[in-house]
């Protein structure tokens, strides 16, 4: 048989198979909340004995707990199990050019601590140490046992590691997106750190904690200083070959429009982004350089802000039509660092949307909707990255980039934060 292109298949061994089965059981419990051994056997396709062994191991590691017997009409009532909230904890950090948001969450996604701080130069040599201090502060504030801390997820703006001949976004953070600053942060914290595009992390936050928990196919448009998008198809993230899938900001919506630093003209980011809003305000004689100041100006009825929203909505409308015709999502969600009332106004002004393959009478969801995971949604998505690496099957496309997974899905060895 002639060799076929693509990645070669890999064999397995007992240790990898056991680790995979543990991840499957953890993921099922994360999704369904509580289940008996029989339920897990049915949902995972594993034998009853395999499930019994896995539950015994996970309970010994403190990752699952017994929650009592279920009421039944006849026979021995089955024992239900669920994830132990204090079995593991993760930290999520969302780094922008001037601020950082951090959260600590437990194994079931409950937020235990949150911080939102001004941040200096995110590309400077002291940035990793600054993020490490915030991670330590959050861990101390939430009283997390160091041995239960699975790692840190970090979300930053893209694009990632793009050559100078391609798109070199002024919103990108090269020391982070090329991996050098992430390596330093791992070294300082002495624990796993997983990096992800902020738009993909925001989409993950919306998928886990927001309005997309039951939506398998959607695009999340992230409005930050720039513009990006996170894409889910079939319930799985689409990251692209180099982690840059969803660079919607550099889709041209006005070929004869404003020049863009990427070398093109009329890119969506030049019209729909915080930077575009600040630029429009400046041209109108209004000095605005933060999301908070922009929101205040909007609420005070500043005409230049409302004119920018009208223009942004016009270009967003074209982008929605393009995306719908390309990937046919169940919905498109808009969110990010723009104030929630402004996001609502933007989505409202984009109506009526242009015709596309998504303009169906039998739709169950609006074509364009506002996200509900809130201002900390991106940090929450980042906090999920270490968890996703623990429960993802070997060979699956993971969220984030990080150290190689261990062969066993066990709580990491005890460590001390600096």
Protein backbone atom coordinates (compact mmCIF):
# COMPACT_ATOMS: atom_id res chain seq x y z
CA UNK A 1 0.00 0.00 0.00
CA UNK A 2 1.34 3.41 -0.94
CA UNK A 3 2.15 5.70 2.00
CA UNK A 4 -0.50 8.30 2.73
CA UNK A 5 0.20 11.98 3.52
CA UNK A 6 -0.50 13.44 6.93
CA UNK A 7 0.55 12.73 10.49
CA UNK A 8 1.38 9.08 11.19
CA UNK A 9 -0.86 7.06 13.49
CA UNK A 10 0.61 6.28 16.87
CA UNK A 11 0.26 3.12 18.87
CA UNK A 12 -0.84 3.05 22.47
CA UNK A 13 0.21 1.33 25.65
CA UNK A 14 -1.56 0.48 28.87
CA UNK A 15 -0.44 3.64 30.70
CA UNK A 16 -1.62 5.94 27.91
CA UNK A 17 -4.89 4.04 27.58
CA UNK A 18 -5.55 4.33 31.31
CA UNK A 19 -4.74 8.06 31.24
CA UNK A 20 -7.09 8.50 28.29
CA UNK A 21 -9.92 6.68 30.07
CA UNK A 22 -9.43 8.82 33.19
CA UNK A 23 -9.69 11.95 31.06
CA UNK A 24 -12.84 10.66 29.41
CA UNK A 25 -14.46 9.97 32.79
CA UNK A 26 -13.47 13.40 34.11
CA UNK A 27 -14.85 15.11 31.02
CA UNK A 28 -18.17 13.24 31.25
CA UNK A 29 -18.56 14.21 34.91
CA UNK A 30 -17.71 17.81 34.03
CA UNK A 31 -20.45 17.82 31.40
CA UNK A 32 -23.26 15.95 33.16
CA UNK A 33 -22.63 17.07 36.74
CA UNK A 34 -23.27 13.75 38.53
CA UNK A 35 -23.45 10.15 37.42
CA UNK A 36 -23.37 6.60 38.75
CA UNK A 37 -20.82 3.99 37.73
CA UNK A 38 -23.44 2.49 35.40
CA UNK A 39 -24.09 5.91 33.87
CA UNK A 40 -20.38 6.43 33.28
CA UNK A 41 -20.04 3.00 31.70
CA UNK A 42 -22.90 3.79 29.33
CA UNK A 43 -21.67 7.30 28.48
CA UNK A 44 -18.00 6.38 28.04
CA UNK A 45 -18.36 2.94 26.47
CA UNK A 46 -16.04 1.48 29.11
CA UNK A 47 -16.66 -1.73 31.01
CA UNK A 48 -18.18 -1.62 34.47
CA UNK A 49 -14.92 -2.88 35.98
CA UNK A 50 -12.86 -0.24 34.17
CA UNK A 51 -15.18 2.49 35.42
CA UNK A 52 -15.03 1.13 38.98
CA UNK A 53 -11.21 1.23 38.87
CA UNK A 54 -11.17 4.75 37.44
CA UNK A 55 -13.61 6.08 40.05
CA UNK A 56 -11.51 4.50 42.80
CA UNK A 57 -8.37 6.21 41.46
CA UNK A 58 -10.03 9.58 40.95
CA UNK A 59 -11.53 9.47 44.43
CA UNK A 60 -8.11 8.62 45.92
CA UNK A 61 -6.69 11.66 44.11
CA UNK A 62 -9.48 13.83 45.53
CA UNK A 63 -10.89 14.64 42.08
CA UNK A 64 -14.33 13.03 42.51
CA UNK A 65 -16.59 12.48 45.49
CA UNK A 66 -19.59 10.36 46.37
CA UNK A 67 -22.84 12.33 46.60
CA UNK A 68 -25.23 9.68 47.89
CA UNK A 69 -27.58 7.09 46.53
CA UNK A 70 -30.23 7.83 43.95
CA UNK A 71 -33.85 7.03 44.76
CA UNK A 72 -35.15 4.05 42.79
CA UNK A 73 -38.38 2.06 42.85
CA UNK A 74 -36.68 -1.32 43.05
CA UNK A 75 -33.27 -2.86 43.54
CA UNK A 76 -30.12 -1.47 45.11
CA UNK A 77 -30.01 2.32 44.58
CA UNK A 78 -26.92 3.35 42.58
CA UNK A 79 -24.28 5.61 44.12
CA UNK A 80 -23.78 8.91 42.30
CA UNK A 81 -20.44 10.67 41.92
CA UNK A 82 -19.48 14.21 40.93
CA UNK A 83 -16.33 16.26 40.51
CA UNK A 84 -14.93 17.46 43.84
CA UNK A 85 -14.85 21.28 43.56
CA UNK A 86 -11.74 21.52 45.74
CA UNK A 87 -10.02 18.68 43.90
CA UNK A 88 -8.13 21.09 41.64
CA UNK A 89 -7.81 24.79 40.96
CA UNK A 90 -6.60 26.86 38.04
CA UNK A 91 -5.64 30.48 37.47
CA UNK A 92 -6.69 32.47 34.41
CA UNK A 93 -5.00 35.69 33.27
CA UNK A 94 -6.18 37.99 30.50
CA UNK A 95 -3.37 40.37 29.52
CA UNK A 96 -4.04 43.46 27.43
CA UNK A 97 -1.84 46.43 26.59
CA UNK A 98 -2.75 48.39 29.70
CA UNK A 99 -4.65 46.02 32.02
CA UNK A 100 -4.70 42.47 33.31
CA UNK A 101 -7.66 40.52 34.67
CA UNK A 102 -7.06 37.43 36.77
CA UNK A 103 -9.32 34.77 38.27
CA UNK A 104 -9.00 31.59 40.33
CA UNK A 105 -11.55 28.85 39.64
CA UNK A 106 -12.14 25.44 41.14
CA UNK A 107 -12.67 22.14 39.34
CA UNK A 108 -16.35 22.87 38.61
CA UNK A 109 -15.72 26.42 37.40
CA UNK A 110 -16.69 28.44 40.46
CA UNK A 111 -14.86 31.74 40.67
CA UNK A 112 -13.00 32.02 43.98
CA UNK A 113 -11.04 35.23 43.44
CA UNK A 114 -10.87 37.95 40.81
CA UNK A 115 -8.61 40.94 40.23
CA UNK A 116 -8.53 43.65 37.59
CA UNK A 117 -5.43 45.85 37.59
CA UNK A 118 -3.60 48.42 35.55
CA UNK A 119 -0.53 46.90 33.93
CA UNK A 120 2.63 48.58 32.70
CA UNK A 121 4.44 47.60 29.53
CA UNK A 122 3.20 44.06 28.69
CA UNK A 123 6.12 43.63 26.29
CA UNK A 124 8.76 44.77 28.76
CA UNK A 125 11.28 42.50 30.52
CA UNK A 126 9.48 42.83 33.86
CA UNK A 127 6.08 41.73 32.53
CA UNK A 128 6.45 38.00 33.39
CA UNK A 129 7.39 38.87 36.97
CA UNK A 130 4.39 41.21 37.21
CA UNK A 131 2.02 38.48 36.05
CA UNK A 132 3.64 36.00 38.45
CA UNK A 133 3.01 38.37 41.37
CA UNK A 134 -0.65 38.63 40.40
CA UNK A 135 -0.95 34.83 40.17
CA UNK A 136 0.58 34.47 43.64
CA UNK A 137 -1.74 37.14 45.06
CA UNK A 138 -4.78 35.40 43.60
CA UNK A 139 -3.71 32.00 44.94
CA UNK A 140 -3.15 33.45 48.41
CA UNK A 141 -6.45 35.34 48.33
CA UNK A 142 -8.36 32.15 47.49
CA UNK A 143 -6.30 29.99 49.91
CA UNK A 144 -5.56 27.39 47.28
CA UNK A 145 -3.45 24.41 48.30
CA UNK A 146 -0.34 24.55 46.09
CA UNK A 147 -0.54 20.79 45.42
CA UNK A 148 -4.05 21.27 44.02
CA UNK A 149 -3.07 24.02 41.57
CA UNK A 150 -3.05 22.56 38.06
CA UNK A 151 -1.54 25.56 36.32
CA UNK A 152 -2.11 28.98 34.75
CA UNK A 153 -3.93 29.84 31.54
CA UNK A 154 -2.90 33.05 29.81
CA UNK A 155 -4.88 34.87 27.11
CA UNK A 156 -3.21 37.56 25.00
CA UNK A 157 -4.08 39.32 21.73
CA UNK A 158 -2.95 37.71 18.47
CA UNK A 159 -1.77 37.11 15.90
CA UNK A 160 0.78 34.56 17.07
CA UNK A 161 4.35 34.46 15.78
CA UNK A 162 3.66 36.04 12.38
CA UNK A 163 6.60 36.86 10.10
CA UNK A 164 7.27 40.47 9.22
CA UNK A 165 6.23 39.80 5.63
CA UNK A 166 2.75 38.87 6.86
CA UNK A 167 0.36 40.54 9.26
CA UNK A 168 2.26 42.27 12.04
CA UNK A 169 -0.54 43.68 14.12
CA UNK A 170 0.10 46.69 16.30
CA UNK A 171 -2.15 44.99 18.85
CA UNK A 172 0.04 41.87 19.12
CA UNK A 173 2.50 41.23 21.97
CA UNK A 174 5.57 39.57 20.37
CA UNK A 175 7.34 38.45 23.59
CA UNK A 176 4.19 36.54 24.54
CA UNK A 177 3.04 35.31 21.16
CA UNK A 178 6.51 34.00 20.22
CA UNK A 179 6.70 32.10 23.50
CA UNK A 180 9.76 33.73 25.12
CA UNK A 181 7.84 35.60 27.85
CA UNK A 182 5.64 32.55 28.49
CA UNK A 183 8.76 30.45 29.08
CA UNK A 184 9.96 33.01 31.61
CA UNK A 185 6.59 33.00 33.38
CA UNK A 186 6.69 29.18 33.60
CA UNK A 187 10.17 29.43 35.06
CA UNK A 188 9.19 32.00 37.69
CA UNK A 189 6.02 30.17 38.76
CA UNK A 190 7.50 26.68 38.40
CA UNK A 191 4.22 25.33 37.07
CA UNK A 192 2.50 24.73 33.71
CA UNK A 193 1.43 27.87 31.82
CA UNK A 194 -0.83 27.53 28.78
CA UNK A 195 -1.04 30.33 26.21
CA UNK A 196 -4.05 31.08 24.03
CA UNK A 197 -5.32 33.78 21.69
CA UNK A 198 -7.65 36.04 23.69
CA UNK A 199 -10.50 35.62 21.22
CA UNK A 200 -10.33 31.82 21.44
CA UNK A 201 -10.13 32.00 25.24
CA UNK A 202 -13.16 34.29 25.25
CA UNK A 203 -15.05 31.82 23.05
CA UNK A 204 -14.13 29.03 25.46
CA UNK A 205 -15.36 31.15 28.38
CA UNK A 206 -18.65 31.69 26.57
CA UNK A 207 -18.89 27.98 25.76
CA UNK A 208 -18.34 26.93 29.38
CA UNK A 209 -19.98 29.73 31.36
CA UNK A 210 -22.00 31.95 29.03
CA UNK A 211 -24.74 31.77 26.44
CA UNK A 212 -23.03 29.12 24.27
CA UNK A 213 -23.08 26.19 26.71
CA UNK A 214 -25.51 24.32 24.44
CA UNK A 215 -24.27 25.68 21.09
CA UNK A 216 -21.82 23.53 19.12
CA UNK A 217 -21.28 25.80 16.09
CA UNK A 218 -20.66 29.48 16.70
CA UNK A 219 -18.24 32.32 16.09
CA UNK A 220 -17.34 34.63 18.96
CA UNK A 221 -16.30 38.12 17.80
CA UNK A 222 -13.94 39.61 20.37
CA UNK A 223 -13.79 43.41 20.41
CA UNK A 224 -10.66 44.56 22.18
CA UNK A 225 -8.01 47.04 21.21
CA UNK A 226 -8.03 45.07 17.98
CA UNK A 227 -10.58 42.59 16.65
CA UNK A 228 -10.40 38.81 16.64
CA UNK A 229 -12.70 35.83 16.67
CA UNK A 230 -12.90 32.41 18.29
CA UNK A 231 -14.55 29.61 16.33
CA UNK A 232 -16.28 26.44 17.53
CA UNK A 233 -17.46 23.84 15.03
CA UNK A 234 -19.00 20.57 16.13
CA UNK A 235 -18.35 21.51 19.74
CA UNK A 236 -14.59 21.74 19.14
CA UNK A 237 -12.32 24.78 18.77
CA UNK A 238 -10.87 25.61 15.38
CA UNK A 239 -7.42 27.10 16.01
CA UNK A 240 -5.75 26.76 12.63
CA UNK A 241 -2.29 25.45 11.77
CA UNK A 242 -0.52 28.18 13.74
CA UNK A 243 -3.15 29.22 16.29
CA UNK A 244 -4.34 32.20 14.27
CA UNK A 245 -7.71 31.03 12.96
CA UNK A 246 -10.32 33.74 13.49
CA UNK A 247 -8.27 36.82 12.54
CA UNK A 248 -11.51 38.42 11.43
CA UNK A 249 -10.05 41.86 12.05
CA UNK A 250 -8.01 41.55 8.85
CA UNK A 251 -10.89 40.59 6.61
CA UNK A 252 -11.42 43.51 4.23
CA UNK A 253 -14.94 44.92 4.39
CA UNK A 254 -14.13 48.09 2.43
CA UNK A 255 -11.43 47.43 -0.22
CA UNK A 256 -11.05 51.14 -0.92
CA UNK A 257 -11.27 52.03 2.76
CA UNK A 258 -8.81 52.99 5.48
CA UNK A 259 -5.24 51.69 5.14
CA UNK A 260 -4.32 49.02 7.66
CA UNK A 261 -0.92 48.29 9.21
CA UNK A 262 -1.16 44.78 7.74
CA UNK A 263 -0.72 46.29 4.27
CA UNK A 264 -4.31 45.94 3.15
CA UNK A 265 -7.17 48.46 3.06
CA UNK A 266 -10.56 48.54 4.73
CA UNK A 267 -9.88 45.80 7.31
CA UNK A 268 -12.73 45.27 9.77
CA UNK A 269 -10.45 46.08 12.70
CA UNK A 270 -10.01 49.62 11.32
CA UNK A 271 -13.74 50.19 11.96
CA UNK A 272 -14.80 47.77 14.72
CA UNK A 273 -12.34 47.86 17.64
CA UNK A 274 -11.52 49.99 20.65
CA UNK A 275 -8.62 51.48 18.72
CA UNK A 276 -11.00 52.46 15.91
CA UNK A 277 -13.36 54.01 18.46
CA UNK A 278 -10.56 56.02 20.07
CA UNK A 279 -9.41 57.18 16.64
CA UNK A 280 -12.94 58.25 15.64
CA UNK A 281 -13.35 60.13 18.92
CA UNK A 282 -10.03 61.91 18.44
CA UNK A 283 -11.03 62.99 14.93
CA UNK A 284 -14.19 64.40 16.49
CA UNK A 285 -12.26 66.37 19.12
CA UNK A 286 -12.96 63.99 22.02
CA UNK A 287 -9.98 62.57 23.92
CA UNK A 288 -10.82 58.95 24.81
CA UNK A 289 -8.24 56.26 25.48
CA UNK A 290 -9.90 53.61 27.66
CA UNK A 291 -13.02 51.41 27.52
CA UNK A 292 -14.29 53.11 30.68
CA UNK A 293 -13.92 56.60 29.20
CA UNK A 294 -15.55 55.45 25.97
CA UNK A 295 -18.51 54.02 27.90
CA UNK A 296 -18.94 57.27 29.87
CA UNK A 297 -18.93 59.28 26.65
CA UNK A 298 -21.53 56.93 25.14
CA UNK A 299 -23.79 57.23 28.18
CA UNK A 300 -23.47 61.02 28.11
CA UNK A 301 -24.75 60.96 24.53
CA UNK A 302 -21.57 62.20 22.85
CA UNK A 303 -22.49 62.36 19.13
CA UNK A 304 -19.06 61.20 17.94
CA UNK A 305 -19.37 57.94 19.88
CA UNK A 306 -22.82 57.25 18.47
CA UNK A 307 -21.60 58.01 14.95
CA UNK A 308 -18.78 55.51 15.47
CA UNK A 309 -21.30 52.87 16.57
CA UNK A 310 -23.35 53.47 13.43
CA UNK A 311 -20.27 53.09 11.21
CA UNK A 312 -19.04 50.05 13.12
CA UNK A 313 -22.44 48.39 12.83
CA UNK A 314 -22.50 48.94 9.07
CA UNK A 315 -19.16 47.15 8.62
CA UNK A 316 -20.02 44.46 11.16
CA UNK A 317 -23.13 43.71 9.13
CA UNK A 318 -20.97 42.91 6.09
CA UNK A 319 -18.63 40.73 8.13
CA UNK A 320 -21.54 38.74 9.58
CA UNK A 321 -22.81 38.02 6.08
CA UNK A 322 -19.35 36.81 5.00
CA UNK A 323 -18.90 34.56 8.01
CA UNK A 324 -22.37 33.05 7.71
CA UNK A 325 -21.91 32.22 4.05
CA UNK A 326 -18.50 30.71 4.78
CA UNK A 327 -19.12 28.49 7.84
CA UNK A 328 -22.93 28.55 8.44
CA UNK A 329 -22.77 28.90 12.27
CA UNK A 330 -25.78 28.49 14.54
CA UNK A 331 -25.12 32.05 15.73
CA UNK A 332 -22.49 34.75 15.94
CA UNK A 333 -21.76 36.13 19.41
CA UNK A 334 -20.22 39.51 20.04
CA UNK A 335 -18.32 40.31 23.23
CA UNK A 336 -14.98 41.48 24.56
CA UNK A 337 -13.72 44.62 26.30
CA UNK A 338 -16.35 46.98 24.92
CA UNK A 339 -18.87 47.94 27.65
CA UNK A 340 -21.89 45.63 27.77
CA UNK A 341 -24.42 48.36 26.98
CA UNK A 342 -22.33 49.39 23.98
CA UNK A 343 -22.13 45.77 22.79
CA UNK A 344 -25.92 45.61 22.98
CA UNK A 345 -26.21 48.88 21.03
CA UNK A 346 -23.77 47.63 18.37
CA UNK A 347 -25.70 44.38 17.87
CA UNK A 348 -29.00 46.29 17.71
CA UNK A 349 -27.69 48.78 15.15
CA UNK A 350 -26.37 45.96 12.95
CA UNK A 351 -29.97 44.90 12.31
CA UNK A 352 -31.36 44.21 9.80
CA UNK A 353 -28.55 41.90 8.78
CA UNK A 354 -27.74 41.28 5.13
CA UNK A 355 -29.17 38.13 3.49
CA UNK A 356 -27.08 34.97 3.85
CA UNK A 357 -27.46 31.21 4.08
CA UNK A 358 -28.22 31.72 7.79
CA UNK A 359 -31.37 33.76 7.13
CA UNK A 360 -33.75 30.85 7.81
CA UNK A 361 -37.34 30.81 9.04
CA UNK A 362 -36.67 27.82 11.30
CA UNK A 363 -33.83 29.44 13.27
CA UNK A 364 -33.77 28.75 17.00
CA UNK A 365 -31.20 31.47 17.79
CA UNK A 366 -30.70 35.04 16.60
CA UNK A 367 -28.08 35.40 13.91
CA UNK A 368 -26.16 37.95 16.01
CA UNK A 369 -26.31 37.99 19.79
CA UNK A 370 -24.46 39.48 22.74
CA UNK A 371 -22.28 37.29 24.94
CA UNK A 372 -23.19 36.72 28.59
CA UNK A 373 -19.97 35.51 30.23
CA UNK A 374 -19.23 39.06 31.41
CA UNK A 375 -16.10 41.19 31.69
CA UNK A 376 -14.08 38.33 33.25
CA UNK A 377 -15.19 35.82 30.61
CA UNK A 378 -11.84 35.79 28.80
CA UNK A 379 -9.92 35.20 32.04
CA UNK A 380 -12.41 32.44 32.91
CA UNK A 381 -11.76 30.84 29.52
CA UNK A 382 -8.01 31.13 30.15
CA UNK A 383 -8.46 29.45 33.54
CA UNK A 384 -10.06 26.50 31.76
CA UNK A 385 -6.95 25.84 29.66
CA UNK A 386 -5.09 23.72 32.26
CA UNK A 387 -8.28 21.75 32.88
CA UNK A 388 -8.80 21.15 29.16
CA UNK A 389 -5.28 19.79 28.88
CA UNK A 390 -6.02 17.38 31.70
CA UNK A 391 -9.25 16.03 30.20
CA UNK A 392 -8.37 16.15 26.49
CA UNK A 393 -7.71 12.82 24.83
CA UNK A 394 -4.15 12.13 23.62
CA UNK A 395 -3.79 13.30 20.04
CA UNK A 396 -6.75 15.70 20.22
CA UNK A 397 -6.22 19.30 19.21
CA UNK A 398 -5.80 21.03 22.57
CA UNK A 399 -6.58 24.53 23.66
CA UNK A 400 -3.51 26.60 24.32
CA UNK A 401 0.16 25.81 23.97
CA UNK A 402 2.02 24.45 26.94
CA UNK A 403 4.33 21.73 28.23
CA UNK A 404 3.79 18.17 27.14
CA UNK A 405 1.05 16.40 29.06
CA UNK A 406 2.10 13.82 31.61
CA UNK A 407 1.17 10.23 30.86
CA UNK A 408 -1.10 10.20 33.92
CA UNK A 409 -3.99 12.53 34.64
CA UNK A 410 -3.18 13.00 38.30
CA UNK A 411 -2.98 16.01 40.56
CA UNK A 412 0.47 17.61 40.00
CA UNK A 413 3.16 17.08 42.59
CA UNK A 414 3.17 19.59 45.48
CA UNK A 415 4.86 22.85 44.67
CA UNK A 416 5.35 26.15 46.40
CA UNK A 417 4.46 29.40 44.68
CA UNK A 418 7.29 31.96 44.85
